[in-house]
N, C-alpha and C. Protein backbone atom coordinates (compact mmCIF):
# COMPACT_ATOMS: atom_id res chain seq x y z
N GLY A 1 20.99 -63.38 -52.59
CA GLY A 1 22.13 -63.59 -52.00
C GLY A 1 23.25 -64.37 -52.27
N ALA A 2 24.20 -64.13 -51.76
CA ALA A 2 25.26 -64.95 -52.05
C ALA A 2 24.99 -66.46 -51.78
N LEU A 3 24.88 -67.54 -52.78
CA LEU A 3 25.20 -69.39 -52.07
C LEU A 3 26.10 -69.68 -51.33
N PHE A 4 27.39 -68.50 -51.48
CA PHE A 4 28.87 -69.23 -50.37
C PHE A 4 29.64 -68.11 -50.32
N VAL A 5 29.76 -67.84 -48.68
CA VAL A 5 31.42 -66.89 -48.84
C VAL A 5 32.44 -67.34 -48.25
N ASP A 6 33.09 -67.11 -49.25
CA ASP A 6 34.75 -67.60 -48.52
C ASP A 6 35.66 -66.33 -48.34
N LEU A 7 36.56 -66.44 -47.28
CA LEU A 7 37.34 -65.25 -46.85
C LEU A 7 38.89 -65.59 -46.78
N ILE A 8 39.57 -64.84 -47.33
CA ILE A 8 41.15 -65.51 -47.11
C ILE A 8 41.62 -64.12 -46.86
N ASP A 9 42.42 -64.20 -46.01
CA ASP A 9 42.86 -62.90 -45.42
C ASP A 9 44.26 -62.67 -45.40
N VAL A 10 44.85 -61.92 -45.44
CA VAL A 10 46.56 -61.68 -46.10
C VAL A 10 47.11 -61.63 -44.36
N GLY A 11 47.05 -61.56 -43.50
CA GLY A 11 47.55 -62.06 -42.49
C GLY A 11 47.62 -63.10 -41.59
N PRO A 12 48.30 -63.23 -40.84
CA PRO A 12 48.11 -63.85 -39.72
C PRO A 12 46.97 -64.65 -38.97
N SER A 13 46.71 -65.58 -38.95
CA SER A 13 45.52 -65.65 -38.20
C SER A 13 45.22 -64.70 -36.66
N CYS A 14 46.66 -64.94 -36.15
CA CYS A 14 45.85 -63.98 -34.88
C CYS A 14 47.41 -63.21 -34.17
N TYR A 15 47.97 -62.57 -35.04
CA TYR A 15 49.27 -61.74 -34.96
C TYR A 15 49.79 -62.15 -33.67
N GLU A 16 50.55 -63.67 -33.57
CA GLU A 16 51.11 -63.48 -32.28
C GLU A 16 52.36 -63.52 -32.06
N LYS A 17 53.26 -62.79 -33.33
CA LYS A 17 54.59 -62.11 -32.92
C LYS A 17 54.65 -60.57 -33.59
N SER A 18 53.08 -60.16 -34.00
CA SER A 18 53.24 -58.96 -33.79
C SER A 18 53.93 -57.88 -32.81
N GLY A 19 54.44 -56.87 -32.96
CA GLY A 19 54.56 -55.89 -31.76
C GLY A 19 53.66 -53.91 -32.18
N SER A 20 54.26 -53.28 -31.81
CA SER A 20 53.50 -51.96 -32.23
C SER A 20 53.63 -51.40 -33.38
N VAL A 21 54.13 -52.00 -34.51
CA VAL A 21 53.91 -51.61 -35.89
C VAL A 21 53.00 -52.43 -37.05
N GLY A 22 52.17 -51.11 -37.33
CA GLY A 22 51.30 -52.00 -38.13
C GLY A 22 49.67 -52.66 -38.34
N VAL A 23 49.97 -52.66 -36.45
CA VAL A 23 49.21 -53.36 -36.29
C VAL A 23 48.05 -52.30 -35.41
N LEU A 24 46.81 -52.18 -35.62
CA LEU A 24 45.58 -50.82 -34.95
C LEU A 24 44.98 -51.58 -33.79
N PHE A 25 45.69 -52.56 -33.21
CA PHE A 25 44.67 -52.60 -31.76
C PHE A 25 45.83 -52.65 -30.45
N HIS A 26 45.14 -52.79 -29.61
CA HIS A 26 45.40 -52.05 -28.31
C HIS A 26 45.94 -53.43 -27.49
N THR A 27 44.85 -54.22 -27.78
CA THR A 27 44.90 -55.85 -27.22
C THR A 27 45.12 -57.16 -28.03
N ARG A 28 45.89 -58.24 -27.76
CA ARG A 28 45.39 -59.03 -28.80
C ARG A 28 43.74 -59.74 -28.78
N SER A 29 43.10 -59.49 -27.66
CA SER A 29 41.60 -60.15 -27.53
C SER A 29 40.49 -58.94 -28.25
N GLU A 30 41.22 -58.11 -28.90
CA GLU A 30 40.44 -57.44 -29.95
C GLU A 30 40.64 -58.34 -31.28
N LEU A 31 41.25 -59.32 -31.52
CA LEU A 31 41.94 -59.72 -32.52
C LEU A 31 40.72 -61.25 -32.85
N LEU A 32 39.94 -61.06 -33.57
CA LEU A 32 39.01 -62.33 -33.67
C LEU A 32 39.17 -63.50 -33.70
N CYS A 33 40.58 -63.68 -34.16
CA CYS A 33 41.11 -65.55 -34.02
C CYS A 33 42.11 -65.84 -33.34
N ALA A 34 42.40 -64.84 -32.26
CA ALA A 34 42.86 -64.33 -31.01
C ALA A 34 42.03 -65.14 -30.16
N ARG A 35 40.80 -65.00 -29.80
CA ARG A 35 39.62 -65.43 -29.05
C ARG A 35 39.09 -66.50 -29.27
N MET A 36 39.67 -67.03 -30.67
CA MET A 36 38.37 -68.21 -30.98
C MET A 36 38.86 -69.15 -31.84
N SER A 37 38.74 -70.07 -32.66
CA SER A 37 39.14 -70.89 -33.47
C SER A 37 38.56 -70.23 -34.57
N ILE A 38 39.43 -70.95 -35.81
CA ILE A 38 39.46 -70.38 -37.50
C ILE A 38 37.78 -71.25 -37.50
N ALA A 39 37.35 -72.04 -37.24
CA ALA A 39 36.19 -72.63 -37.51
C ALA A 39 34.98 -71.18 -36.86
N GLU A 40 35.52 -71.47 -35.42
CA GLU A 40 34.47 -70.33 -34.74
C GLU A 40 34.45 -68.76 -35.45
N ALA A 41 35.52 -68.53 -35.63
CA ALA A 41 35.52 -67.16 -36.19
C ALA A 41 34.63 -67.16 -37.54
N ALA A 42 34.95 -68.26 -38.35
CA ALA A 42 34.27 -68.31 -39.40
C ALA A 42 32.53 -68.52 -39.39
N LYS A 43 32.09 -69.21 -38.44
CA LYS A 43 31.09 -68.89 -38.15
C LYS A 43 29.98 -67.63 -37.56
N ALA A 44 31.08 -67.17 -36.93
CA ALA A 44 31.10 -65.72 -36.25
C ALA A 44 30.55 -64.27 -37.51
N ILE A 45 31.55 -64.74 -38.27
CA ILE A 45 31.30 -63.74 -39.65
C ILE A 45 30.41 -64.27 -40.46
N GLU A 46 29.96 -65.37 -40.52
CA GLU A 46 29.08 -65.99 -41.16
C GLU A 46 29.45 -66.47 -42.53
N ALA A 47 30.72 -66.70 -42.38
CA ALA A 47 31.52 -66.96 -44.06
C ALA A 47 31.54 -69.15 -43.97
N ASP A 48 31.61 -69.26 -45.06
CA ASP A 48 31.73 -70.64 -45.28
C ASP A 48 32.70 -71.07 -44.85
N SER A 49 33.94 -70.46 -45.19
CA SER A 49 35.43 -70.81 -44.98
C SER A 49 35.92 -69.46 -44.60
N LEU A 50 37.16 -69.81 -44.02
CA LEU A 50 38.23 -68.68 -43.43
C LEU A 50 39.37 -69.42 -43.44
N GLU A 51 40.44 -68.40 -44.19
CA GLU A 51 41.41 -68.96 -44.60
C GLU A 51 42.94 -67.69 -44.26
N PHE A 52 43.89 -68.12 -44.26
CA PHE A 52 45.19 -67.34 -44.27
C PHE A 52 45.96 -67.32 -44.86
N LEU A 53 46.72 -66.47 -45.81
CA LEU A 53 47.83 -66.61 -46.51
C LEU A 53 48.70 -66.81 -45.74
N SER A 54 49.81 -67.56 -46.01
CA SER A 54 51.54 -68.19 -45.55
C SER A 54 52.31 -67.19 -45.73
N GLU A 55 53.15 -67.14 -45.30
CA GLU A 55 54.15 -65.89 -45.84
C GLU A 55 54.39 -66.17 -47.24
N GLU A 56 55.04 -67.25 -47.57
CA GLU A 56 54.92 -67.70 -49.40
C GLU A 56 54.42 -67.35 -49.72
N SER A 57 52.91 -67.54 -49.54
CA SER A 57 51.65 -66.84 -50.80
C SER A 57 51.42 -65.34 -50.59
N LEU A 58 52.29 -64.62 -49.81
CA LEU A 58 51.70 -63.64 -49.56
C LEU A 58 53.04 -62.66 -50.45
N LEU A 59 53.97 -62.94 -50.57
CA LEU A 59 55.04 -62.89 -51.24
C LEU A 59 54.64 -62.88 -52.91
N LYS A 60 54.20 -64.28 -52.83
CA LYS A 60 53.92 -64.79 -54.18
C LYS A 60 53.04 -63.54 -55.01
N ALA A 61 51.87 -63.80 -53.95
CA ALA A 61 50.74 -62.81 -54.37
C ALA A 61 51.12 -61.27 -54.90
N GLY A 62 51.99 -60.65 -54.06
CA GLY A 62 52.34 -59.28 -54.49
C GLY A 62 53.51 -59.43 -55.54
N ASN A 63 53.88 -60.33 -55.91
CA ASN A 63 54.83 -60.58 -56.93
C ASN A 63 56.23 -60.09 -56.14
N ARG A 64 56.86 -60.10 -54.95
CA ARG A 64 58.10 -59.49 -54.13
C ARG A 64 58.50 -60.66 -53.37
N SER A 65 60.00 -60.47 -53.53
CA SER A 65 60.83 -61.14 -52.75
C SER A 65 61.07 -60.81 -51.27
N GLU A 66 60.70 -59.65 -50.92
CA GLU A 66 60.74 -59.33 -49.45
C GLU A 66 59.45 -58.34 -49.00
N LEU A 67 59.20 -58.13 -47.78
CA LEU A 67 58.12 -57.74 -47.46
C LEU A 67 58.22 -57.90 -45.77
N CYS A 68 58.00 -56.77 -44.85
CA CYS A 68 58.06 -56.84 -43.52
C CYS A 68 57.01 -58.21 -43.17
N MET A 69 57.68 -58.59 -42.59
CA MET A 69 56.65 -60.17 -41.95
C MET A 69 56.79 -60.22 -40.46
N ALA A 70 57.19 -59.12 -39.83
CA ALA A 70 56.95 -59.35 -38.43
C ALA A 70 55.50 -59.73 -37.83
N CYS A 71 54.60 -59.46 -38.73
CA CYS A 71 52.84 -60.25 -37.77
C CYS A 71 53.20 -61.69 -38.25
N PHE A 72 54.13 -62.43 -39.06
CA PHE A 72 53.92 -63.45 -39.24
C PHE A 72 55.15 -64.23 -38.14
N ASN A 73 56.33 -63.50 -38.48
CA ASN A 73 57.62 -64.37 -37.73
C ASN A 73 58.11 -63.41 -36.72
N GLY A 74 58.02 -62.05 -36.31
CA GLY A 74 58.12 -61.30 -35.55
C GLY A 74 59.62 -60.45 -35.86
N CYS A 75 60.31 -60.87 -36.91
CA CYS A 75 61.25 -60.40 -37.55
C CYS A 75 61.53 -59.44 -38.24
N TYR A 76 61.38 -58.20 -37.55
CA TYR A 76 61.66 -56.84 -38.01
C TYR A 76 62.76 -56.60 -39.31
N PRO A 77 62.44 -55.48 -40.12
CA PRO A 77 63.52 -55.29 -41.62
C PRO A 77 64.42 -54.39 -40.78
N THR A 78 64.16 -53.62 -40.05
CA THR A 78 65.27 -52.53 -39.18
C THR A 78 65.51 -53.14 -37.77
N SER A 79 67.20 -52.34 -37.36
CA SER A 79 67.10 -52.68 -36.02
C SER A 79 66.69 -52.16 -35.15
N LEU A 80 66.11 -50.97 -35.42
CA LEU A 80 65.14 -50.29 -34.51
C LEU A 80 63.91 -51.18 -34.14
N TYR A 81 63.68 -51.38 -34.46
CA TYR A 81 62.70 -52.22 -34.05
C TYR A 81 62.76 -53.57 -33.38
N GLN A 82 63.64 -54.23 -33.90
CA GLN A 82 64.35 -55.69 -33.52
C GLN A 82 64.94 -55.07 -31.63
N ASN A 83 65.58 -53.92 -31.62
CA ASN A 83 65.93 -53.29 -30.19
C ASN A 83 64.73 -53.25 -29.35
N LYS A 84 63.99 -52.58 -30.16
CA LYS A 84 62.75 -52.44 -28.82
C LYS A 84 62.13 -53.86 -28.65
N ILE A 85 62.06 -54.97 -29.52
CA ILE A 85 61.56 -56.09 -28.95
C ILE A 85 62.09 -56.69 -28.20
N GLU A 86 63.82 -56.67 -27.64
CA GLU A 86 64.69 -56.96 -27.10
C GLU A 86 64.31 -55.78 -25.63
N GLU A 87 63.93 -54.85 -25.82
CA GLU A 87 64.09 -54.31 -24.69
C GLU A 87 62.73 -54.81 -23.94
N ASP A 88 61.54 -55.19 -24.64
CA ASP A 88 60.59 -55.33 -23.90
C ASP A 88 59.95 -57.12 -23.17
N LYS A 89 61.27 -57.21 -23.69
CA LYS A 89 61.43 -58.91 -22.66
C LYS A 89 61.59 -58.81 -21.21
């Protein structure tokens, strides 16, 4: 077996800003890090470490200058979704 297990995820740890686009969870409680700390989540998945990429790191890793970052910052790339967010407030 492996001596160490390190997991680096591409999304934010708890999708605090996400809306209904691209995230296939009905409630935040279904997200592991929304209900426990990152250290607790690492222990729960039996990983030695658990890290999450920042917005900047995700763009750099994909060699991109822009992507939809709504899960990170709540800013959708089109007014269609931005208007829905305003309606939901």
